[in-house]
Amino acid sequence: MTSVGVGGIAPSCNGGTLSVTVVDSSRTSVASGGPVAVSGTSATVSVSPNPPGATPAGVDVSIAGP
């Protein structure tokens, strides 16, 4: 996993910043990415480090602003 795609972003979030945290089944962070500028209803965020393929169990998304 090198990136996370986030869709369904509300238009009122344009101008804000989006960050993601990839978590394992214990809700422990295994990768993170952002912040990236929000300029539409979807965004792709590069994450690092590259977690092992079977490890990710979920993604926490945070949008700050505008």
Protein backbone atom coordinates (compact mmCIF):
# COMPACT_ATOMS: atom_id res chain seq x y z
CA MET A 1 0.00 0.00 0.00
CA THR A 2 1.51 3.29 -1.09
CA SER A 3 -1.56 5.55 -1.12
CA VAL A 4 -5.13 5.88 0.14
CA GLY A 5 -8.03 7.21 -1.92
CA VAL A 6 -10.71 9.13 -0.05
CA GLY A 7 -14.05 9.90 -1.69
CA GLY A 8 -17.29 11.53 -0.65
CA ILE A 9 -15.62 14.69 0.62
CA ALA A 10 -18.16 17.46 1.14
CA PRO A 11 -17.71 20.54 -1.08
CA SER A 12 -17.60 22.69 2.07
CA CYS A 13 -14.26 21.02 2.92
CA ASN A 14 -12.54 22.53 -0.16
CA GLY A 15 -9.56 24.56 0.99
CA GLY A 16 -9.00 22.35 4.02
CA THR A 17 -6.28 19.75 4.52
CA LEU A 18 -6.72 15.98 4.66
CA SER A 19 -4.57 13.50 6.57
CA VAL A 20 -4.89 9.73 6.91
CA THR A 21 -3.64 7.11 9.35
CA VAL A 22 -3.57 3.45 8.34
CA VAL A 23 -4.21 1.13 11.30
CA ASP A 24 -3.91 -2.58 11.98
CA SER A 25 -6.53 -4.75 13.69
CA SER A 26 -5.38 -3.47 17.10
CA ARG A 27 -5.96 0.14 15.91
CA THR A 28 -2.19 0.72 16.01
CA SER A 29 -0.84 3.13 13.40
CA VAL A 30 1.19 1.35 10.69
CA ALA A 31 1.44 4.24 8.19
CA SER A 32 0.30 7.82 7.72
CA GLY A 33 0.09 10.50 5.08
CA GLY A 34 -0.77 14.11 4.45
CA PRO A 35 -1.68 16.74 4.91
CA VAL A 36 -2.83 17.34 1.34
CA ALA A 37 -5.00 20.21 0.14
CA VAL A 38 -8.67 19.37 -0.48
CA SER A 39 -9.87 20.74 -3.81
CA GLY A 40 -12.75 18.46 -4.78
CA THR A 41 -14.90 15.58 -3.58
CA SER A 42 -12.03 13.05 -3.61
CA ALA A 43 -8.31 12.99 -2.84
CA THR A 44 -5.40 10.55 -2.91
CA VAL A 45 -2.87 10.63 -0.10
CA SER A 46 0.55 8.96 -0.27
CA VAL A 47 1.38 7.02 2.90
CA SER A 48 4.62 5.87 4.47
CA PRO A 49 6.11 3.65 5.51
CA ASN A 50 4.68 1.07 3.13
CA PRO A 51 2.87 -1.34 5.51
CA PRO A 52 2.94 -5.09 4.81
CA GLY A 53 0.03 -6.11 2.56
CA ALA A 54 -1.86 -8.12 5.18
CA THR A 55 -1.40 -5.63 8.02
CA PRO A 56 -3.82 -2.75 7.23
CA ALA A 57 -7.27 -3.18 8.77
CA GLY A 58 -8.63 0.36 8.48
CA VAL A 59 -7.99 4.01 7.74
CA ASP A 60 -8.68 7.00 9.96
CA VAL A 61 -9.36 10.21 8.01
CA SER A 62 -9.05 13.75 9.31
CA ILE A 63 -10.00 16.96 7.48
CA ALA A 64 -9.02 20.29 9.04
CA GLY A 65 -10.37 23.66 7.92
CA PRO A 66 -10.95 25.61 5.86
